[in-house]
PDB file of N, CA and C in Angstrom:
ATOM      1  N   MET A   1     140.356 178.077  36.394  1.00  0.00           N
ATOM      2  CA  MET A   1     139.490 177.242  35.986  1.00  0.00           C
ATOM      3  C   MET A   1     137.871 178.191  35.738  1.00  0.00           C
ATOM      4  N   THR A   2     137.192 177.897  34.279  1.00  0.00           N
ATOM      5  CA  THR A   2     136.119 179.071  34.421  1.00  0.00           C
ATOM      6  C   THR A   2     134.761 178.791  35.067  1.00  0.00           C
ATOM      7  N   ARG A   3     134.393 179.638  35.345  1.00  0.00           N
ATOM      8  CA  ARG A   3     133.039 179.418  36.081  1.00  0.00           C
ATOM      9  C   ARG A   3     131.893 179.092  35.534  1.00  0.00           C
ATOM     10  N   MET A   4     131.380 178.074  35.869  1.00  0.00           N
ATOM     11  CA  MET A   4     129.825 177.473  35.422  1.00  0.00           C
ATOM     12  C   MET A   4     128.532 178.391  35.798  1.00  0.00           C
ATOM     13  N   VAL A   5     127.746 178.710  35.182  1.00  0.00           N
ATOM     14  CA  VAL A   5     126.652 178.957  35.509  1.00  0.00           C
ATOM     15  C   VAL A   5     125.216 178.014  35.209  1.00  0.00           C
ATOM     16  N   GLN A   6     123.880 177.798  35.674  1.00  0.00           N
ATOM     17  CA  GLN A   6     123.136 176.984  35.182  1.00  0.00           C
ATOM     18  C   GLN A   6     121.949 178.755  34.290  1.00  0.00           C
ATOM     19  N   CYS A   7     122.159 179.040  32.770  1.00  0.00           N
ATOM     20  CA  CYS A   7     122.047 180.255  32.585  1.00  0.00           C
ATOM     21  C   CYS A   7     120.979 180.292  32.490  1.00  0.00           C
ATOM     22  N   ILE A   8     119.944 180.850  33.225  1.00  0.00           N
ATOM     23  CA  ILE A   8     118.302 181.243  32.827  1.00  0.00           C
ATOM     24  C   ILE A   8     117.930 181.623  32.061  1.00  0.00           C
ATOM     25  N   LYS A   9     118.811 182.247  30.447  1.00  0.00           N
ATOM     26  CA  LYS A   9     118.091 182.656  29.090  1.00  0.00           C
ATOM     27  C   LYS A   9     118.311 181.349  28.463  1.00  0.00           C
ATOM     28  N   LEU A  10     119.749 180.499  28.333  1.00  0.00           N
ATOM     29  CA  LEU A  10     119.932 179.914  27.438  1.00  0.00           C
ATOM     30  C   LEU A  10     119.344 178.640  28.048  1.00  0.00           C
ATOM     31  N   GLY A  11     118.609 178.026  29.243  1.00  0.00           N
ATOM     32  CA  GLY A  11     118.305 176.973  29.922  1.00  0.00           C
ATOM     33  C   GLY A  11     119.117 175.514  29.942  1.00  0.00           C
ATOM     34  N   ARG A  12     120.579 176.266  29.618  1.00  0.00           N
ATOM     35  CA  ARG A  12     121.730 175.031  29.743  1.00  0.00           C
ATOM     36  C   ARG A  12     122.782 175.743  30.776  1.00  0.00           C
ATOM     37  N   GLU A  13     123.702 174.988  31.123  1.00  0.00           N
ATOM     38  CA  GLU A  13     125.076 174.807  31.886  1.00  0.00           C
ATOM     39  C   GLU A  13     125.963 176.053  31.066  1.00  0.00           C
ATOM     40  N   ALA A  14     126.619 176.864  30.991  1.00  0.00           N
ATOM     41  CA  ALA A  14     127.339 177.154  30.611  1.00  0.00           C
ATOM     42  C   ALA A  14     128.425 178.119  30.972  1.00  0.00           C
ATOM     43  N   GLU A  15     129.152 178.631  30.295  1.00  0.00           N
ATOM     44  CA  GLU A  15     130.733 179.442  31.002  1.00  0.00           C
ATOM     45  C   GLU A  15     129.819 180.634  31.728  1.00  0.00           C
ATOM     46  N   GLY A  16     130.379 180.949  33.163  1.00  0.00           N
ATOM     47  CA  GLY A  16     129.744 182.230  33.293  1.00  0.00           C
ATOM     48  C   GLY A  16     130.356 183.406  33.226  1.00  0.00           C
ATOM     49  N   LEU A  17     130.004 185.013  33.509  1.00  0.00           N
ATOM     50  CA  LEU A  17     130.729 186.376  33.332  1.00  0.00           C
ATOM     51  C   LEU A  17     131.906 185.995  34.262  1.00  0.00           C
ATOM     52  N   ASP A  18     132.811 186.832  33.901  1.00  0.00           N
ATOM     53  CA  ASP A  18     134.069 186.729  35.075  1.00  0.00           C
ATOM     54  C   ASP A  18     133.489 187.966  36.189  1.00  0.00           C
ATOM     55  N   ARG A  19     132.657 188.699  35.892  1.00  0.00           N
ATOM     56  CA  ARG A  19     132.478 189.900  36.752  1.00  0.00           C
ATOM     57  C   ARG A  19     131.180 190.164  36.603  1.00  0.00           C
ATOM     58  N   PRO A  20     130.540 190.716  37.705  1.00  0.00           N
ATOM     59  CA  PRO A  20     129.084 191.302  37.659  1.00  0.00           C
ATOM     60  C   PRO A  20     129.189 192.674  36.110  1.00  0.00           C
ATOM     61  N   PRO A  21     128.692 192.413  35.785  1.00  0.00           N
ATOM     62  CA  PRO A  21     128.237 193.232  34.302  1.00  0.00           C
ATOM     63  C   PRO A  21     127.524 194.511  34.550  1.00  0.00           C
ATOM     64  N   TYR A  22     126.888 194.448  35.374  1.00  0.00           N
ATOM     65  CA  TYR A  22     126.424 196.087  36.039  1.00  0.00           C
ATOM     66  C   TYR A  22     126.008 196.392  37.398  1.00  0.00           C
ATOM     67  N   PRO A  23     125.611 197.112  37.801  1.00  0.00           N
ATOM     68  CA  PRO A  23     125.914 197.908  39.227  1.00  0.00           C
ATOM     69  C   PRO A  23     124.994 197.299  39.979  1.00  0.00           C
ATOM     70  N   GLY A  24     124.629 197.014  41.371  1.00  0.00           N
ATOM     71  CA  GLY A  24     123.614 196.917  41.868  1.00  0.00           C
ATOM     72  C   GLY A  24     123.340 195.215  42.208  1.00  0.00           C
ATOM     73  N   ASP A  25     121.962 195.529  42.816  1.00  0.00           N
ATOM     74  CA  ASP A  25     121.214 193.831  42.237  1.00  0.00           C
ATOM     75  C   ASP A  25     121.146 192.864  41.129  1.00  0.00           C
ATOM     76  N   LEU A  26     120.703 194.141  40.421  1.00  0.00           N
ATOM     77  CA  LEU A  26     120.067 193.190  38.875  1.00  0.00           C
ATOM     78  C   LEU A  26     121.933 192.745  37.871  1.00  0.00           C
ATOM     79  N   GLY A  27     123.005 193.554  38.620  1.00  0.00           N
ATOM     80  CA  GLY A  27     124.399 192.983  38.198  1.00  0.00           C
ATOM     81  C   GLY A  27     124.765 191.899  39.176  1.00  0.00           C
ATOM     82  N   LYS A  28     124.035 191.820  40.239  1.00  0.00           N
ATOM     83  CA  LYS A  28     124.559 190.496  41.174  1.00  0.00           C
ATOM     84  C   LYS A  28     123.871 189.345  40.307  1.00  0.00           C
ATOM     85  N   ARG A  29     122.568 189.785  40.275  1.00  0.00           N
ATOM     86  CA  ARG A  29     121.182 188.512  39.447  1.00  0.00           C
ATOM     87  C   ARG A  29     122.439 187.917  38.396  1.00  0.00           C
ATOM     88  N   ILE A  30     122.384 189.131  37.077  1.00  0.00           N
ATOM     89  CA  ILE A  30     123.258 188.534  35.889  1.00  0.00           C
ATOM     90  C   ILE A  30     124.285 187.887  35.974  1.00  0.00           C
ATOM     91  N   TYR A  31     125.187 187.893  37.292  1.00  0.00           N
ATOM     92  CA  TYR A  31     126.413 187.682  37.555  1.00  0.00           C
ATOM     93  C   TYR A  31     126.469 186.245  37.788  1.00  0.00           C
ATOM     94  N   LEU A  32     125.155 186.031  38.591  1.00  0.00           N
ATOM     95  CA  LEU A  32     124.556 184.474  39.232  1.00  0.00           C
ATOM     96  C   LEU A  32     123.934 183.695  38.370  1.00  0.00           C
ATOM     97  N   HIS A  33     123.079 184.339  37.386  1.00  0.00           N
ATOM     98  CA  HIS A  33     122.519 183.119  36.714  1.00  0.00           C
ATOM     99  C   HIS A  33     122.675 183.662  35.425  1.00  0.00           C
ATOM    100  N   VAL A  34     123.454 184.174  34.386  1.00  0.00           N
ATOM    101  CA  VAL A  34     123.544 184.570  32.908  1.00  0.00           C
ATOM    102  C   VAL A  34     125.255 184.059  32.386  1.00  0.00           C
ATOM    103  N   SER A  35     124.990 183.766  31.474  1.00  0.00           N
ATOM    104  CA  SER A  35     126.226 183.107  30.906  1.00  0.00           C
ATOM    105  C   SER A  35     126.898 184.334  29.953  1.00  0.00           C
ATOM    106  N   LYS A  36     128.017 183.886  29.413  1.00  0.00           N
ATOM    107  CA  LYS A  36     128.760 184.918  28.904  1.00  0.00           C
ATOM    108  C   LYS A  36     128.278 184.885  27.683  1.00  0.00           C
ATOM    109  N   GLU A  37     127.315 183.728  26.656  1.00  0.00           N
ATOM    110  CA  GLU A  37     127.333 183.767  25.582  1.00  0.00           C
ATOM    111  C   GLU A  37     125.607 185.041  25.523  1.00  0.00           C
ATOM    112  N   ALA A  38     124.687 184.523  26.976  1.00  0.00           N
ATOM    113  CA  ALA A  38     123.816 185.202  26.739  1.00  0.00           C
ATOM    114  C   ALA A  38     123.863 186.839  26.894  1.00  0.00           C
ATOM    115  N   TRP A  39     124.580 187.122  28.135  1.00  0.00           N
ATOM    116  CA  TRP A  39     125.250 188.454  27.649  1.00  0.00           C
ATOM    117  C   TRP A  39     125.749 189.270  26.911  1.00  0.00           C
ATOM    118  N   GLN A  40     126.574 188.514  25.774  1.00  0.00           N
ATOM    119  CA  GLN A  40     126.269 188.986  24.412  1.00  0.00           C
ATOM    120  C   GLN A  40     125.408 188.993  23.242  1.00  0.00           C
ATOM    121  N   GLN A  41     124.303 187.892  23.835  1.00  0.00           N
ATOM    122  CA  GLN A  41     123.137 188.201  23.024  1.00  0.00           C
ATOM    123  C   GLN A  41     122.217 189.713  23.458  1.00  0.00           C
ATOM    124  N   TRP A  42     122.780 189.765  24.683  1.00  0.00           N
ATOM    125  CA  TRP A  42     121.945 190.914  25.164  1.00  0.00           C
ATOM    126  C   TRP A  42     122.729 192.188  24.394  1.00  0.00           C
ATOM    127  N   LEU A  43     123.941 192.318  24.531  1.00  0.00           N
ATOM    128  CA  LEU A  43     124.662 193.387  24.059  1.00  0.00           C
ATOM    129  C   LEU A  43     124.276 193.722  22.514  1.00  0.00           C
ATOM    130  N   ARG A  44     123.999 192.472  21.751  1.00  0.00           N
ATOM    131  CA  ARG A  44     123.517 192.830  20.680  1.00  0.00           C
ATOM    132  C   ARG A  44     122.047 193.432  20.744  1.00  0.00           C
ATOM    133  N   GLN A  45     121.509 192.499  21.344  1.00  0.00           N
ATOM    134  CA  GLN A  45     120.000 193.385  21.328  1.00  0.00           C
ATOM    135  C   GLN A  45     119.651 194.796  22.040  1.00  0.00           C
ATOM    136  N   GLN A  46     120.894 195.040  23.040  1.00  0.00           N
ATOM    137  CA  GLN A  46     121.235 196.444  23.356  1.00  0.00           C
ATOM    138  C   GLN A  46     121.389 197.948  22.391  1.00  0.00           C
ATOM    139  N   THR A  47     122.231 197.068  21.246  1.00  0.00           N
ATOM    140  CA  THR A  47     122.837 198.004  20.199  1.00  0.00           C
ATOM    141  C   THR A  47     121.256 198.039  18.982  1.00  0.00           C
ATOM    142  N   MET A  48     120.619 197.070  18.868  1.00  0.00           N
ATOM    143  CA  MET A  48     119.138 197.544  18.425  1.00  0.00           C
ATOM    144  C   MET A  48     118.523 198.384  18.975  1.00  0.00           C
ATOM    145  N   LEU A  49     118.422 198.144  20.230  1.00  0.00           N
ATOM    146  CA  LEU A  49     117.474 199.197  20.810  1.00  0.00           C
ATOM    147  C   LEU A  49     118.053 200.473  20.945  1.00  0.00           C
ATOM    148  N   ILE A  50     119.062 200.632  20.831  1.00  0.00           N
ATOM    149  CA  ILE A  50     119.634 202.252  20.929  1.00  0.00           C
ATOM    150  C   ILE A  50     119.257 202.855  19.397  1.00  0.00           C
ATOM    151  N   ASN A  51     119.657 201.849  18.598  1.00  0.00           N
ATOM    152  CA  ASN A  51     119.352 202.258  17.533  1.00  0.00           C
ATOM    153  C   ASN A  51     118.330 202.907  16.879  1.00  0.00           C
ATOM    154  N   GLU A  52     117.325 201.786  17.107  1.00  0.00           N
ATOM    155  CA  GLU A  52     116.081 201.938  16.948  1.00  0.00           C
ATOM    156  C   GLU A  52     115.127 203.379  17.684  1.00  0.00           C
ATOM    157  N   TYR A  53     115.410 203.152  18.565  1.00  0.00           N
ATOM    158  CA  TYR A  53     114.928 204.173  19.484  1.00  0.00           C
ATOM    159  C   TYR A  53     115.860 205.509  19.612  1.00  0.00           C
ATOM    160  N   ARG A  54     117.346 205.343  19.133  1.00  0.00           N
ATOM    161  CA  ARG A  54     118.050 206.435  18.948  1.00  0.00           C
ATOM    162  C   ARG A  54     117.998 207.052  20.252  1.00  0.00           C
ATOM    163  N   LEU A  55     118.022 206.211  20.963  1.00  0.00           N
ATOM    164  CA  LEU A  55     118.936 206.329  22.243  1.00  0.00           C
ATOM    165  C   LEU A  55     120.157 207.158  22.754  1.00  0.00           C
ATOM    166  N   THR A  56     120.279 208.135  23.487  1.00  0.00           N
ATOM    167  CA  THR A  56     121.411 208.356  24.350  1.00  0.00           C
ATOM    168  C   THR A  56     121.740 207.905  25.993  1.00  0.00           C
ATOM    169  N   PRO A  57     122.745 207.121  25.502  1.00  0.00           N
ATOM    170  CA  PRO A  57     122.818 205.984  26.494  1.00  0.00           C
ATOM    171  C   PRO A  57     123.479 207.152  27.973  1.00  0.00           C
ATOM    172  N   ILE A  58     123.600 207.939  27.946  1.00  0.00           N
ATOM    173  CA  ILE A  58     123.949 209.414  28.957  1.00  0.00           C
ATOM    174  C   ILE A  58     122.733 209.929  29.667  1.00  0.00           C
ATOM    175  N   GLU A  59     122.194 209.709  29.473  1.00  0.00           N
ATOM    176  CA  GLU A  59     120.715 210.409  29.229  1.00  0.00           C
ATOM    177  C   GLU A  59     119.613 209.202  30.555  1.00  0.00           C
ATOM    178  N   PRO A  60     119.713 209.695  31.472  1.00  0.00           N
ATOM    179  CA  PRO A  60     118.733 209.160  33.088  1.00  0.00           C
ATOM    180  C   PRO A  60     117.540 208.268  32.046  1.00  0.00           C
ATOM    181  N   GLN A  61     116.917 208.899  31.705  1.00  0.00           N
ATOM    182  CA  GLN A  61     115.471 208.077  30.734  1.00  0.00           C
ATOM    183  C   GLN A  61     116.335 206.791  29.906  1.00  0.00           C
ATOM    184  N   ALA A  62     117.052 207.176  29.439  1.00  0.00           N
ATOM    185  CA  ALA A  62     117.480 206.038  28.354  1.00  0.00           C
ATOM    186  C   ALA A  62     118.108 204.631  28.904  1.00  0.00           C
ATOM    187  N   ARG A  63     118.546 204.800  29.878  1.00  0.00           N
ATOM    188  CA  ARG A  63     119.261 204.405  30.768  1.00  0.00           C
ATOM    189  C   ARG A  63     118.331 203.251  32.120  1.00  0.00           C
ATOM    190  N   LYS A  64     117.759 204.207  32.104  1.00  0.00           N
ATOM    191  CA  LYS A  64     116.546 203.629  33.096  1.00  0.00           C
ATOM    192  C   LYS A  64     115.729 202.627  32.118  1.00  0.00           C
ATOM    193  N   PHE A  65     115.582 202.834  30.967  1.00  0.00           N
ATOM    194  CA  PHE A  65     114.612 202.034  30.052  1.00  0.00           C
ATOM    195  C   PHE A  65     114.985 201.147  29.563  1.00  0.00           C
ATOM    196  N   LEU A  66     116.856 200.882  29.411  1.00  0.00           N
ATOM    197  CA  LEU A  66     117.298 200.090  28.838  1.00  0.00           C
ATOM    198  C   LEU A  66     117.924 198.740  29.967  1.00  0.00           C
ATOM    199  N   GLU A  67     117.495 199.369  31.026  1.00  0.00           N
ATOM    200  CA  GLU A  67     117.751 198.431  32.410  1.00  0.00           C
ATOM    201  C   GLU A  67     116.363 197.928  32.443  1.00  0.00           C
ATOM    202  N   GLN A  68     115.243 198.584  31.843  1.00  0.00           N
ATOM    203  CA  GLN A  68     113.910 197.582  32.473  1.00  0.00           C
ATOM    204  C   GLN A  68     114.126 196.616  31.108  1.00  0.00           C
ATOM    205  N   GLN A  69     114.323 197.206  29.753  1.00  0.00           N
ATOM    206  CA  GLN A  69     114.710 195.668  29.101  1.00  0.00           C
ATOM    207  C   GLN A  69     115.802 195.160  29.300  1.00  0.00           C
ATOM    208  N   MET A  70     116.752 195.086  29.779  1.00  0.00           N
ATOM    209  CA  MET A  70     117.740 194.020  30.280  1.00  0.00           C
ATOM    210  C   MET A  70     116.754 193.046  31.440  1.00  0.00           C
ATOM    211  N   GLU A  71     116.474 193.676  32.221  1.00  0.00           N
ATOM    212  CA  GLU A  71     115.591 192.774  33.033  1.00  0.00           C
ATOM    213  C   GLU A  71     114.709 191.707  32.445  1.00  0.00           C
ATOM    214  N   GLN A  72     113.858 192.351  31.739  1.00  0.00           N
ATOM    215  CA  GLN A  72     112.969 191.907  30.799  1.00  0.00           C
ATOM    216  C   GLN A  72     113.523 190.929  29.990  1.00  0.00           C
ATOM    217  N   PHE A  73     114.823 190.655  29.507  1.00  0.00           N
ATOM    218  CA  PHE A  73     115.769 190.130  28.525  1.00  0.00           C
ATOM    219  C   PHE A  73     115.621 189.170  29.064  1.00  0.00           C
ATOM    220  N   PHE A  74     116.340 188.906  30.247  1.00  0.00           N
ATOM    221  CA  PHE A  74     117.277 187.778  31.213  1.00  0.00           C
ATOM    222  C   PHE A  74     115.938 187.184  32.145  1.00  0.00           C
ATOM    223  N   PHE A  75     114.830 187.863  32.482  1.00  0.00           N
ATOM    224  CA  PHE A  75     114.266 187.224  34.198  1.00  0.00           C
ATOM    225  C   PHE A  75     112.480 187.597  33.417  1.00  0.00           C
ATOM    226  N   GLY A  76     112.341 187.855  32.300  1.00  0.00           N
ATOM    227  CA  GLY A  76     111.119 187.754  31.561  1.00  0.00           C
ATOM    228  C   GLY A  76     110.184 189.536  32.436  1.00  0.00           C
ATOM    229  N   PRO A  77     108.900 189.597  31.755  1.00  0.00           N
ATOM    230  CA  PRO A  77     108.172 190.766  32.019  1.00  0.00           C
ATOM    231  C   PRO A  77     108.782 191.311  33.617  1.00  0.00           C
ATOM    232  N   VAL A  78     108.632 192.308  33.647  1.00  0.00           N
ATOM    233  CA  VAL A  78     108.886 193.156  34.678  1.00  0.00           C
ATOM    234  C   VAL A  78     107.594 194.233  35.061  1.00  0.00           C
ATOM    235  N   PRO A  79     107.389 193.729  36.220  1.00  0.00           N
ATOM    236  CA  PRO A  79     106.200 194.940  36.373  1.00  0.00           C
ATOM    237  C   PRO A  79     106.341 196.285  36.346  1.00  0.00           C
ATOM    238  N   PRO A  80     105.307 197.243  35.843  1.00  0.00           N
ATOM    239  CA  PRO A  80     105.554 198.449  35.709  1.00  0.00           C
ATOM    240  C   PRO A  80     106.143 199.343  37.184  1.00  0.00           C
ATOM    241  N   ARG A  81     107.362 200.056  36.717  1.00  0.00           N
ATOM    242  CA  ARG A  81     107.141 200.925  38.304  1.00  0.00           C
ATOM    243  C   ARG A  81     106.254 201.879  38.390  1.00  0.00           C
ATOM    244  N   ARG A  82     106.276 202.291  39.449  1.00  0.00           N
ATOM    245  CA  ARG A  82     104.921 203.427  39.489  1.00  0.00           C
ATOM    246  C   ARG A  82     105.623 204.758  38.633  1.00  0.00           C
ATOM    247  N   GLY A  83     104.561 205.344  38.113  1.00  0.00           N
ATOM    248  CA  GLY A  83     105.156 206.544  37.513  1.00  0.00           C
ATOM    249  C   GLY A  83     105.462 206.723  36.333  1.00  0.00           C
ATOM    250  N   LEU A  84     105.692 205.246  36.036  1.00  0.00           N
ATOM    251  CA  LEU A  84     106.457 205.032  34.707  1.00  0.00           C
ATOM    252  C   LEU A  84     106.535 204.341  33.746  1.00  0.00           C
ATOM    253  N   CYS A  85     106.644 204.194  32.657  1.00  0.00           N
ATOM    254  CA  CYS A  85     105.896 203.362  31.598  1.00  0.00           C
ATOM    255  C   CYS A  85     107.139 203.579  30.559  1.00  0.00           C
ATOM    256  N   ALA A  86     107.323 202.462  29.642  1.00  0.00           N
ATOM    257  CA  ALA A  86     108.042 202.527  28.053  1.00  0.00           C
ATOM    258  C   ALA A  86     108.100 203.153  27.654  1.00  0.00           C
ATOM    259  N   THR A  87     106.608 203.786  27.202  1.00  0.00           N
ATOM    260  CA  THR A  87     106.006 204.657  26.205  1.00  0.00           C
ATOM    261  C   THR A  87     106.319 205.944  26.720  1.00  0.00           C
ATOM    262  N   ALA A  88     106.227 206.159  27.701  1.00  0.00           N
ATOM    263  CA  ALA A  88     106.287 207.670  28.319  1.00  0.00           C
ATOM    264  C   ALA A  88     107.514 208.228  28.330  1.00  0.00           C
ATOM    265  N   VAL A  89     109.009 207.142  29.140  1.00  0.00           N
ATOM    266  CA  VAL A  89     110.506 207.440  28.845  1.00  0.00           C
ATOM    267  C   VAL A  89     110.422 207.676  27.844  1.00  0.00           C
ATOM    268  N   MET A  90     110.318 207.056  26.526  1.00  0.00           N
ATOM    269  CA  MET A  90     110.802 207.037  25.000  1.00  0.00           C
ATOM    270  C   MET A  90     110.032 207.984  24.327  1.00  0.00           C
ATOM    271  N   THR A  91     108.762 208.664  24.588  1.00  0.00           N
ATOM    272  CA  THR A  91     108.724 209.734  23.830  1.00  0.00           C
ATOM    273  C   THR A  91     109.017 211.185  23.871  1.00  0.00           C
ATOM    274  N   ARG A  92     109.476 211.723  22.936  1.00  0.00           N
ATOM    275  CA  ARG A  92     110.598 213.015  22.847  1.00  0.00           C
ATOM    276  C   ARG A  92     109.332 214.149  21.846  1.00  0.00           C
ATOM    277  N   PRO A  93     109.711 215.083  21.889  1.00  0.00           N
ATOM    278  CA  PRO A  93     108.579 216.135  21.240  1.00  0.00           C
ATOM    279  C   PRO A  93     108.599 216.233  19.641  1.00  0.00           C
ATOM    280  N   ASP A  94     109.807 215.744  19.330  1.00  0.00           N
ATOM    281  CA  ASP A  94     110.233 215.629  18.153  1.00  0.00           C
ATOM    282  C   ASP A  94     109.678 214.460  17.261  1.00  0.00           C
ATOM    283  N   TYR A  95     109.329 213.329  18.083  1.00  0.00           N
ATOM    284  CA  TYR A  95     108.633 211.948  17.461  1.00  0.00           C
ATOM    285  C   TYR A  95     107.351 211.497  18.178  1.00  0.00           C
ATOM    286  N   ARG A  96     106.747 210.732  17.636  1.00  0.00           N
ATOM    287  CA  ARG A  96     105.800 210.188  17.731  1.00  0.00           C
ATOM    288  C   ARG A  96     105.122 208.673  18.075  1.00  0.00           C
ATOM    289  N   THR A  97     105.043 208.331  19.002  1.00  0.00           N
ATOM    290  CA  THR A  97     105.012 206.852  19.037  1.00  0.00           C
ATOM    291  C   THR A  97     103.395 205.995  18.449  1.00  0.00           C
ATOM    292  N   ILE A  98     103.900 204.966  18.023  1.00  0.00           N
ATOM    293  CA  ILE A  98     102.725 204.281  17.039  1.00  0.00           C
ATOM    294  C   ILE A  98     102.793 203.003  17.686  1.00  0.00           C
ATOM    295  N   PRO A  99     101.817 202.090  17.700  1.00  0.00           N
ATOM    296  CA  PRO A  99     101.636 200.626  17.923  1.00  0.00           C
ATOM    297  C   PRO A  99     102.662 200.023  16.397  1.00  0.00           C
ATOM    298  N   GLY A 100     103.692 198.910  16.887  1.00  0.00           N
ATOM    299  CA  GLY A 100     104.205 198.412  15.636  1.00  0.00           C
ATOM    300  C   GLY A 100     103.890 196.854  16.294  1.00  0.00           C
ATOM    301  N   GLN A 101     104.600 195.742  15.338  1.00  0.00           N
ATOM    302  CA  GLN A 101     104.350 194.365  15.319  1.00  0.00           C
ATOM    303  C   GLN A 101     105.097 193.903  16.737  1.00  0.00           C
ATOM    304  N   ASN A 102     105.897 194.696  17.034  1.00  0.00           N
ATOM    305  CA  ASN A 102     106.769 194.017  18.551  1.00  0.00           C
ATOM    306  C   ASN A 102     106.764 195.314  19.414  1.00  0.00           C
ATOM    307  N   GLY A 103     105.178 195.710  19.559  1.00  0.00           N
ATOM    308  CA  GLY A 103     105.440 196.953  20.533  1.00  0.00           C
ATOM    309  C   GLY A 103     105.011 197.889  19.770  1.00  0.00           C
ATOM    310  N   TYR A 104     105.922 199.100  20.821  1.00  0.00           N
ATOM    311  CA  TYR A 104     105.685 200.224  20.372  1.00  0.00           C
ATOM    312  C   TYR A 104     107.229 200.729  19.648  1.00  0.00           C
ATOM    313  N   ARG A 105     106.584 201.685  18.385  1.00  0.00           N
ATOM    314  CA  ARG A 105     108.069 202.070  17.533  1.00  0.00           C
ATOM    315  C   ARG A 105     107.607 203.903  17.508  1.00  0.00           C
ATOM    316  N   ARG A 106     109.017 204.481  17.641  1.00  0.00           N
ATOM    317  CA  ARG A 106     108.572 205.658  16.943  1.00  0.00           C
ATOM    318  C   ARG A 106     109.258 206.034  15.935  1.00  0.00           C
ATOM    319  N   ILE A 107     108.310 207.280  15.286  1.00  0.00           N
ATOM    320  CA  ILE A 107     108.547 207.592  13.706  1.00  0.00           C
ATOM    321  C   ILE A 107     108.579 208.889  13.791  1.00  0.00           C
ATOM    322  N   GLN A 108     109.314 209.757  12.955  1.00  0.00           N
ATOM    323  CA  GLN A 108     109.372 211.030  13.251  1.00  0.00           C
ATOM    324  C   GLN A 108     107.710 211.744  12.176  1.00  0.00           C
ATOM    325  N   PRO A 109     107.420 212.985  12.759  1.00  0.00           N
ATOM    326  CA  PRO A 109     106.074 213.531  12.311  1.00  0.00           C
ATOM    327  C   PRO A 109     106.296 213.832  10.601  1.00  0.00           C
TER     328      PRO A 109
END
């Protein structure tokens, strides 16, 4: 029998995930409140973020950025953590950050 959840992203009851998709408290929250369909939406969004920002997921800063984006995607805006902001995380010496239509984007000089 499939597990059903009241999906926070879709706003309706849907099939739940089989296991927590992410470690820690965030993974538990996602497991309890996010459906398989919404998780697939996040995976597409994550792929777009990785490509747009040219992230390397093995870098700790990139993982932290993706975690913040995931929390925001499912649960709304996340208050900034002390000493860290998305533009600071994403700034590299070979790129500059400029305001774009949907927030900030990086361009090559």
